[in-house]
Protein backbone atom coordinates (compact mmCIF):
# COMPACT_ATOMS: atom_id res chain seq x y z
CA UNK A 1 1.08 -16.87 16.25
CA UNK A 2 2.09 -14.43 13.51
CA UNK A 3 3.19 -11.00 14.66
CA UNK A 4 2.85 -8.07 12.27
CA UNK A 5 5.23 -5.17 12.40
CA UNK A 6 4.35 -1.80 10.93
CA UNK A 7 3.88 -1.80 7.14
CA UNK A 8 6.50 0.17 5.21
CA UNK A 9 6.04 1.97 1.90
CA UNK A 10 7.84 3.97 -0.76
CA UNK A 11 5.53 6.13 -2.84
CA UNK A 12 5.71 8.66 -5.61
CA UNK A 13 4.13 10.19 -8.67
CA UNK A 14 5.22 11.75 -11.91
CA UNK A 15 2.83 13.49 -14.29
CA UNK A 16 0.14 10.80 -14.80
CA UNK A 17 1.69 7.86 -12.99
CA UNK A 18 1.13 7.14 -9.29
CA UNK A 19 3.07 4.30 -7.68
CA UNK A 20 3.60 2.62 -4.35
CA UNK A 21 5.76 -0.28 -3.15
CA UNK A 22 4.73 -1.75 0.20
CA UNK A 23 6.26 -4.37 2.45
CA UNK A 24 5.08 -5.86 5.73
CA UNK A 25 7.49 -7.56 8.09
CA UNK A 26 5.71 -10.58 9.53
CA UNK A 27 7.38 -12.59 12.30
CA UNK A 28 7.97 -15.50 9.90
CA UNK A 29 8.29 -13.90 6.42
CA UNK A 30 8.00 -10.55 4.61
CA UNK A 31 5.18 -9.70 2.20
CA UNK A 32 5.79 -7.32 -0.72
CA UNK A 33 3.49 -5.75 -3.30
CA UNK A 34 3.61 -2.89 -5.77
CA UNK A 35 0.87 -0.67 -7.16
CA UNK A 36 1.12 1.42 -10.32
CA UNK A 37 -1.80 3.62 -11.43
CA UNK A 38 -2.04 5.61 -14.65
CA UNK A 39 -4.24 8.62 -14.00
CA UNK A 40 -5.52 11.77 -15.67
CA UNK A 41 -4.43 13.96 -12.72
CA UNK A 42 -1.84 12.42 -10.43
CA UNK A 43 -2.24 14.95 -7.61
CA UNK A 44 -6.05 14.70 -7.49
CA UNK A 45 -5.93 10.89 -7.59
CA UNK A 46 -3.38 10.33 -4.80
CA UNK A 47 -6.19 9.41 -2.40
CA UNK A 48 -7.06 6.44 -4.65
CA UNK A 49 -3.61 4.94 -4.10
CA UNK A 50 -4.02 5.20 -0.34
CA UNK A 51 -7.47 3.57 -0.41
CA UNK A 52 -6.30 0.67 -2.58
CA UNK A 53 -3.21 0.04 -0.42
CA UNK A 54 -5.30 0.09 2.77
CA UNK A 55 -7.73 -2.44 1.27
CA UNK A 56 -4.84 -4.74 0.32
CA UNK A 57 -3.27 -4.46 3.80
CA UNK A 58 -6.63 -5.23 5.41
CA UNK A 59 -7.09 -8.27 3.13
CA UNK A 60 -3.80 -9.77 4.37
CA UNK A 61 -4.68 -8.77 7.95
CA UNK A 62 -1.80 -6.31 8.23
CA UNK A 63 -4.23 -3.54 9.25
CA UNK A 64 -7.31 -3.76 11.43
CA UNK A 65 -10.61 -3.47 9.55
CA UNK A 66 -11.58 -0.33 11.48
CA UNK A 67 -8.62 1.81 10.28
């Protein structure tokens, strides 16, 4: 049985670049991924980063599908 601990993330933005580095501590190994988005308006597009990261975490079963 694989146990998932809480996902961790470091996020930020600067002008037109939104980024996020995420890691999940599984009981047997860690999983890492990074996301970098070039955008017209970084502040208005922050929600896109969150949606993409949630979809990735769901796809690796690190978040329940209902969250």
